[in-house]
Amino acid sequence: MRQAVERLGLAALHRIDPERAHGLALRALGAGLVPLPGVVTGPRLRTRLAGIDLPNPVGLAAGFDKNASALAPLSRAGFGFLEVGAATPRPQEGNARPRLFRLTGDRAVINRFGFNNIGVEEIARRLSATPTKVPRGLNLGTNKDAPDRAAGFAEVLRRAGPYVDFATINVSSPNTEKLRDLQGADALAALFETVLAANAMLDRPLPVFVKIAPDLDDAALADIARVAGAGGIAAIVATNTTLSREGIGGPHAAEAGGLSGAPLFAPSTRILAKLSGLTDLPLIGVGGIASAEDAYAKIRAGASAVQLYSALVYEGLSLVERIARGLDALLERDGFANVSEAVGTDRDRWL
């Protein structure tokens, strides 16, 4: 019954503009109109990521709840952890609409939002007022017109850090001009120094992650692994959306922006596997996860945890519970007592 209702709701939402549909879905969540399973956990699923205890390794990627408007219900949707944002120091409109496109035939999404959000002051207020049943983090952004972008990331962390369990430096969105330039070794080292100095000033310093692009060559990937390891970063999130359009079609295929969803699964998993051989830092696998098998493949390629977003557009929130419980069954099938034992066991397949 629950899935039948969900399918009807998704069919209705897919008849309207994608960004408006997403807003309506968040409001339905906040109003308690979406049935939720609660926290999904078990001995095989419980794990530890950068010092954070997770009930399961399936997380919500940044971008789904940019403004922390549905934290409480999302923490009952089956996720093991949540990431909201990206937040910027000042409110930001983002790019002109339309800026979100469904590629239904490819089970994909293109977005060019441009860090649209209500600003860190209001997001921090919402975080402070909303307890959650699972750990939560904030994706750090910076305003597109900031004269000092590193200072912008640090300001977001200073203001919202007391209300989250981790923070992620987002230098990999393709929708803010020159943001990806910060992935260069020298720029990245300077950025880490600024953000981690702000983190050290918090009463409770956080694990700080960095989120990278899938469009990196091997030399750039090695630089990021080296700089992150030396710079005090706690984990690497691999990956953000891609600029590639390889293998996709349909009327929106040529739209500018970052591509996510099923076409990103293989390239992002290859990046993940390569990164696993370059660093001992824990990795979070993101990109194209739409099933328990996909999540398991990311873990066996080197991820300690995973995140999803785009597949929810096509499958609904019930997908979260299906992935978590399916992952538990796969771990049991293969004789793993805990998900941590499976990390990296099939990395060579992707190299």
Protein backbone atom coordinates (compact mmCIF):
# COMPACT_ATOMS: atom_id res chain seq x y z
CA MET A 1 0.00 0.00 0.00
CA ARG A 2 2.76 2.42 0.98
CA GLN A 3 4.64 1.87 -2.29
CA ALA A 4 1.45 2.16 -4.36
CA VAL A 5 0.74 5.54 -2.79
CA GLU A 6 4.34 6.57 -3.39
CA ARG A 7 4.15 5.60 -7.06
CA LEU A 8 1.01 7.68 -7.51
CA GLY A 9 2.69 10.62 -5.80
CA LEU A 10 5.78 10.34 -7.98
CA ALA A 11 3.67 10.14 -11.14
CA ALA A 12 1.89 13.35 -10.12
CA LEU A 13 5.14 15.14 -9.27
CA HIS A 14 6.67 14.16 -12.61
CA ARG A 15 3.91 16.01 -14.42
CA ILE A 16 5.12 19.38 -13.12
CA ASP A 17 8.33 21.41 -13.22
CA PRO A 18 11.13 19.47 -11.45
CA GLU A 19 12.18 22.23 -9.07
CA ARG A 20 8.58 22.96 -8.06
CA ALA A 21 8.00 19.22 -7.62
CA HIS A 22 11.01 18.96 -5.33
CA GLY A 23 9.73 21.81 -3.19
CA LEU A 24 6.32 20.16 -2.90
CA ALA A 25 7.95 16.87 -1.89
CA LEU A 26 9.88 18.60 0.90
CA ARG A 27 6.70 20.29 2.13
CA ALA A 28 4.86 16.95 2.14
CA LEU A 29 7.67 15.48 4.22
CA GLY A 30 7.53 18.35 6.67
CA ALA A 31 3.76 18.03 6.97
CA GLY A 32 3.99 14.35 7.89
CA LEU A 33 2.27 13.15 4.72
CA VAL A 34 5.00 10.67 3.78
CA PRO A 35 5.07 7.31 5.65
CA LEU A 36 8.56 6.66 7.03
CA PRO A 37 10.14 3.45 8.39
CA GLY A 38 12.32 4.98 11.09
CA VAL A 39 16.03 4.31 11.53
CA VAL A 40 17.22 1.12 9.81
CA THR A 41 20.08 -0.63 11.60
CA GLY A 42 21.57 -3.96 12.65
CA PRO A 43 24.92 -5.51 13.60
CA ARG A 44 26.10 -5.82 10.00
CA LEU A 45 25.08 -2.26 9.13
CA ARG A 46 26.37 -0.30 12.11
CA THR A 47 29.66 1.35 11.25
CA ARG A 48 32.01 4.16 12.19
CA LEU A 49 32.95 6.89 9.74
CA ALA A 50 35.69 9.38 10.68
CA GLY A 51 34.84 8.91 14.34
CA ILE A 52 31.06 9.16 13.83
CA ASP A 53 28.88 6.18 14.74
CA LEU A 54 26.32 5.46 12.02
CA PRO A 55 23.32 3.10 12.36
CA ASN A 56 23.87 2.19 8.70
CA PRO A 57 26.21 3.44 5.95
CA VAL A 58 23.50 4.82 3.60
CA GLY A 59 23.40 8.61 3.70
CA LEU A 60 21.53 11.46 2.07
CA ALA A 61 23.72 13.53 -0.26
CA ALA A 62 23.85 17.30 -0.10
CA GLY A 63 21.45 19.17 -2.36
CA PHE A 64 18.27 17.30 -1.51
CA ASP A 65 17.55 19.43 1.57
CA LYS A 66 19.53 22.57 0.84
CA ASN A 67 17.94 24.68 3.56
CA ALA A 68 17.53 22.11 6.35
CA SER A 69 13.76 22.32 5.98
CA ALA A 70 12.94 18.62 6.46
CA LEU A 71 15.65 17.39 8.83
CA ALA A 72 13.45 15.62 11.35
CA PRO A 73 11.39 13.53 8.90
CA LEU A 74 14.46 12.72 6.79
CA SER A 75 16.14 11.31 9.88
CA ARG A 76 13.26 8.80 10.08
CA ALA A 77 13.44 7.81 6.40
CA GLY A 78 15.93 4.97 6.89
CA PHE A 79 19.15 6.92 6.31
CA GLY A 80 22.17 6.32 8.51
CA PHE A 81 23.27 9.96 8.19
CA LEU A 82 22.20 13.18 6.48
CA GLU A 83 24.00 16.03 4.73
CA VAL A 84 22.21 19.33 4.14
CA GLY A 85 23.24 22.41 2.19
CA ALA A 86 25.27 23.68 0.50
CA ALA A 87 25.10 26.76 2.70
CA THR A 88 26.77 30.06 1.86
CA PRO A 89 27.51 32.99 4.21
CA ARG A 90 24.81 35.18 2.66
CA PRO A 91 21.54 34.06 1.05
CA GLN A 92 22.00 33.38 -2.64
CA GLU A 93 19.44 33.13 -5.43
CA GLY A 94 21.54 30.86 -7.61
CA ASN A 95 21.24 30.67 -11.37
CA ALA A 96 18.21 31.58 -13.44
CA ARG A 97 15.37 29.09 -13.85
CA PRO A 98 14.83 26.58 -15.33
CA ARG A 99 17.86 24.96 -13.71
CA LEU A 100 16.77 21.40 -12.95
CA PHE A 101 16.00 18.81 -15.64
CA ARG A 102 14.87 15.19 -15.53
CA LEU A 103 16.40 12.81 -18.06
CA THR A 104 13.87 10.07 -17.45
CA GLY A 105 15.10 7.69 -20.13
CA ASP A 106 18.59 7.78 -18.63
CA ARG A 107 17.40 7.78 -14.99
CA ALA A 108 19.45 10.94 -14.62
CA VAL A 109 19.20 14.59 -13.59
CA ILE A 110 20.98 17.74 -14.73
CA ASN A 111 21.11 20.72 -12.39
CA ARG A 112 22.71 24.14 -12.56
CA PHE A 113 21.42 25.56 -9.29
CA GLY A 114 24.50 27.61 -8.38
CA PHE A 115 24.43 27.23 -4.57
CA ASN A 116 20.93 28.66 -4.14
CA ASN A 117 20.12 28.73 -0.40
CA ILE A 118 18.71 30.90 2.38
CA GLY A 119 22.11 31.60 3.93
CA VAL A 120 23.96 30.12 6.87
CA GLU A 121 22.31 32.27 9.55
CA GLU A 122 18.85 30.80 8.95
CA ILE A 123 20.18 27.31 8.19
CA ALA A 124 22.13 27.33 11.47
CA ARG A 125 18.98 28.43 13.32
CA ARG A 126 17.05 25.52 11.83
CA LEU A 127 19.82 23.08 12.70
CA SER A 128 19.98 24.34 16.26
CA ALA A 129 16.22 23.92 16.70
CA THR A 130 15.89 20.45 15.11
CA PRO A 131 17.22 17.31 16.77
CA THR A 132 17.64 14.29 14.50
CA LYS A 133 17.75 10.57 15.08
CA VAL A 134 20.92 10.10 12.98
CA PRO A 135 24.15 12.10 12.57
CA ARG A 136 23.96 15.08 10.24
CA GLY A 137 26.43 17.26 8.42
CA LEU A 138 26.54 20.48 6.46
CA ASN A 139 27.90 21.02 2.97
CA LEU A 140 29.97 24.22 3.02
CA GLY A 141 29.70 26.66 0.15
CA THR A 142 30.81 30.20 -0.54
CA ASN A 143 29.06 33.09 -2.27
CA LYS A 144 29.85 33.41 -5.96
CA ASP A 145 30.83 37.09 -5.53
CA ALA A 146 32.98 36.53 -2.43
CA PRO A 147 36.35 38.29 -2.71
CA ASP A 148 37.89 35.59 -0.49
CA ARG A 149 36.25 32.24 -1.14
CA ALA A 150 38.23 30.36 1.50
CA ALA A 151 37.02 32.82 4.13
CA GLY A 152 33.44 32.16 3.00
CA PHE A 153 33.76 28.41 3.63
CA ALA A 154 35.30 29.13 7.04
CA GLU A 155 32.51 31.54 7.98
CA VAL A 156 29.82 28.93 7.24
CA LEU A 157 31.67 26.42 9.43
CA ARG A 158 32.08 28.89 12.29
CA ARG A 159 28.39 29.77 12.33
CA ALA A 160 26.82 26.34 11.81
CA GLY A 161 29.52 24.01 13.12
CA PRO A 162 28.09 23.79 16.66
CA TYR A 163 24.90 22.20 15.30
CA VAL A 164 26.25 19.41 13.06
CA ASP A 165 28.39 16.28 13.37
CA PHE A 166 30.57 16.84 10.29
CA ALA A 167 31.17 19.40 7.54
CA THR A 168 32.03 18.93 3.87
CA ILE A 169 34.04 21.44 1.84
CA ASN A 170 32.40 21.58 -1.58
CA VAL A 171 34.98 22.53 -4.20
CA SER A 172 33.46 20.39 -6.92
CA SER A 173 30.13 21.88 -7.94
CA PRO A 174 30.31 22.73 -11.65
CA ASN A 175 27.67 25.45 -11.29
CA THR A 176 29.65 28.20 -9.54
CA GLU A 177 32.20 29.88 -11.78
CA LYS A 178 35.83 28.93 -11.04
CA LEU A 179 34.87 26.92 -7.95
CA ARG A 180 36.54 23.79 -9.31
CA ASP A 181 39.78 25.76 -9.63
CA LEU A 182 40.07 25.27 -5.86
CA GLN A 183 40.80 21.57 -6.48
CA GLY A 184 44.36 22.43 -7.56
CA ALA A 185 46.97 21.33 -5.03
CA ASP A 186 48.15 24.79 -3.87
CA ALA A 187 44.67 26.32 -3.74
CA LEU A 188 43.31 23.27 -1.96
CA ALA A 189 46.07 23.30 0.67
CA ALA A 190 45.43 26.97 1.41
CA LEU A 191 41.67 26.36 1.61
CA PHE A 192 42.11 23.46 4.02
CA GLU A 193 44.36 25.57 6.22
CA THR A 194 41.77 28.36 6.45
CA VAL A 195 38.79 26.08 7.09
CA LEU A 196 40.57 23.83 9.58
CA ALA A 197 41.81 26.89 11.51
CA ALA A 198 38.16 27.91 11.89
CA ASN A 199 37.27 24.34 12.87
CA ALA A 200 39.91 24.34 15.61
CA MET A 201 38.24 27.38 17.18
CA LEU A 202 34.93 25.55 17.67
CA ASP A 203 34.15 24.26 21.16
CA ARG A 204 33.72 20.85 19.50
CA PRO A 205 35.88 20.59 16.37
CA LEU A 206 34.30 18.48 13.63
CA PRO A 207 35.50 15.87 11.17
CA VAL A 208 35.89 17.90 7.96
CA PHE A 209 35.43 16.16 4.59
CA VAL A 210 36.11 17.35 1.05
CA LYS A 211 33.88 16.59 -1.94
CA ILE A 212 35.61 16.14 -5.29
CA ALA A 213 34.60 16.04 -8.95
CA PRO A 214 34.48 12.92 -11.12
CA ASP A 215 36.17 14.77 -14.00
CA LEU A 216 39.72 14.57 -12.61
CA ASP A 217 42.71 13.01 -14.29
CA ASP A 218 45.03 10.68 -12.39
CA ALA A 219 47.56 13.40 -11.56
CA ALA A 220 44.90 15.69 -10.10
CA LEU A 221 43.43 12.82 -8.12
CA ALA A 222 46.83 11.98 -6.67
CA ASP A 223 47.35 15.64 -5.72
CA ILE A 224 44.01 15.75 -3.90
CA ALA A 225 44.75 12.53 -2.03
CA ARG A 226 48.16 13.85 -0.96
CA VAL A 227 46.96 17.31 0.07
CA ALA A 228 43.91 15.96 1.92
CA GLY A 229 46.02 13.45 3.81
CA ALA A 230 48.56 16.09 4.80
CA GLY A 231 46.01 18.79 5.51
CA GLY A 232 43.96 17.20 8.27
CA ILE A 233 40.92 16.23 6.20
CA ALA A 234 38.93 13.38 7.79
CA ALA A 235 37.33 11.82 4.69
CA ILE A 236 36.87 12.34 0.94
CA VAL A 237 33.46 12.33 -0.77
CA ALA A 238 33.68 10.88 -4.29
CA THR A 239 32.02 12.29 -6.29
CA ASN A 240 29.96 15.34 -7.20
CA THR A 241 28.13 15.66 -10.53
CA THR A 242 29.88 15.43 -13.90
CA LEU A 243 30.19 17.73 -16.89
CA SER A 244 30.38 14.72 -19.21
CA ARG A 245 27.40 13.86 -21.40
CA GLU A 246 28.74 10.55 -22.65
CA GLY A 247 26.05 8.00 -23.44
CA ILE A 248 22.97 10.09 -22.64
CA GLY A 249 20.19 11.35 -24.88
CA GLY A 250 16.78 12.98 -24.83
CA PRO A 251 15.64 16.58 -25.12
CA HIS A 252 17.59 17.87 -22.10
CA ALA A 253 20.90 16.12 -22.71
CA ALA A 254 22.62 19.30 -23.90
CA GLU A 255 21.55 21.44 -20.94
CA ALA A 256 24.41 23.06 -19.04
CA GLY A 257 25.07 21.91 -15.49
CA GLY A 258 26.10 18.84 -13.53
CA LEU A 259 24.82 15.42 -14.53
CA SER A 260 23.90 12.93 -11.81
CA GLY A 261 22.05 9.64 -11.64
CA ALA A 262 22.64 6.31 -13.35
CA PRO A 263 25.17 7.51 -16.00
CA LEU A 264 27.46 8.71 -13.21
CA PHE A 265 27.67 5.33 -11.47
CA ALA A 266 30.58 3.80 -13.40
CA PRO A 267 32.83 6.88 -13.72
CA SER A 268 32.35 7.90 -10.10
CA THR A 269 33.04 4.36 -8.92
CA ARG A 270 36.26 4.26 -10.94
CA ILE A 271 37.37 7.50 -9.27
CA LEU A 272 36.48 6.00 -5.90
CA ALA A 273 38.49 2.83 -6.56
CA LYS A 274 41.52 4.80 -7.75
CA LEU A 275 41.32 7.04 -4.70
CA SER A 276 41.14 4.00 -2.45
CA GLY A 277 44.59 3.03 -3.69
CA LEU A 278 45.98 6.52 -3.09
CA THR A 279 44.88 7.26 0.49
CA ASP A 280 44.06 5.64 3.79
CA LEU A 281 41.38 8.26 4.49
CA PRO A 282 37.83 6.91 4.63
CA LEU A 283 35.85 7.47 1.45
CA ILE A 284 32.16 8.20 0.89
CA GLY A 285 30.87 6.88 -2.43
CA VAL A 286 28.33 8.99 -4.29
CA GLY A 287 27.01 8.83 -7.85
CA GLY A 288 24.32 6.75 -9.51
CA ILE A 289 23.30 4.59 -6.55
CA ALA A 290 19.79 3.22 -7.19
CA SER A 291 19.84 -0.21 -5.54
CA ALA A 292 21.41 -2.24 -2.74
CA GLU A 293 23.70 -3.80 -5.35
CA ASP A 294 24.92 -0.35 -6.40
CA ALA A 295 25.64 0.61 -2.78
CA TYR A 296 27.44 -2.68 -2.21
CA ALA A 297 29.57 -2.15 -5.33
CA LYS A 298 30.66 1.28 -4.05
CA ILE A 299 31.57 -0.22 -0.68
CA ARG A 300 33.53 -3.05 -2.25
CA ALA A 301 35.29 -0.50 -4.47
CA GLY A 302 36.54 1.32 -1.37
CA ALA A 303 33.73 3.35 0.22
CA SER A 304 33.17 3.20 3.97
CA ALA A 305 29.73 4.77 3.44
CA VAL A 306 27.58 5.94 0.54
CA GLN A 307 25.17 8.76 -0.26
CA LEU A 308 22.29 9.06 -2.70
CA TYR A 309 20.00 11.71 -4.10
CA SER A 310 19.06 11.51 -7.80
CA ALA A 311 17.57 8.02 -7.62
CA LEU A 312 15.04 9.34 -5.08
CA VAL A 313 13.57 11.43 -7.93
CA TYR A 314 12.55 8.20 -9.69
CA GLU A 315 12.15 5.73 -6.84
CA GLY A 316 10.93 7.81 -3.90
CA LEU A 317 12.06 7.68 -0.29
CA SER A 318 11.13 4.03 0.14
CA LEU A 319 14.33 3.34 -1.81
CA VAL A 320 16.37 4.19 1.28
CA GLU A 321 14.97 1.37 3.37
CA ARG A 322 15.21 -1.04 0.43
CA ILE A 323 18.88 -0.23 -0.06
CA ALA A 324 19.75 -0.52 3.64
CA ARG A 325 17.94 -3.82 4.12
CA GLY A 326 19.19 -5.17 0.79
CA LEU A 327 22.75 -4.25 1.74
CA ASP A 328 22.34 -6.14 5.00
CA ALA A 329 21.21 -9.23 3.04
CA LEU A 330 24.17 -8.97 0.64
CA LEU A 331 26.63 -8.73 3.52
CA GLU A 332 25.06 -11.78 5.13
CA ARG A 333 25.16 -13.70 1.84
CA ASP A 334 28.87 -13.06 1.44
CA GLY A 335 29.78 -13.87 5.03
CA PHE A 336 30.66 -10.38 6.25
CA ALA A 337 29.89 -9.81 9.93
CA ASN A 338 30.01 -6.04 9.41
CA VAL A 339 30.00 -3.65 6.46
CA SER A 340 33.51 -2.45 7.38
CA GLU A 341 34.85 -5.90 6.42
CA ALA A 342 33.61 -5.46 2.84
CA VAL A 343 35.28 -2.09 2.18
CA GLY A 344 37.66 -2.31 -0.78
CA THR A 345 37.35 -6.07 -1.30
CA ASP A 346 36.59 -5.69 -5.01
CA ARG A 347 38.55 -2.52 -5.80
CA ASP A 348 40.63 -4.06 -8.58
CA ARG A 349 37.50 -4.65 -10.66
CA TRP A 350 37.27 -0.91 -11.28
CA LEU A 351 40.92 -0.15 -12.01
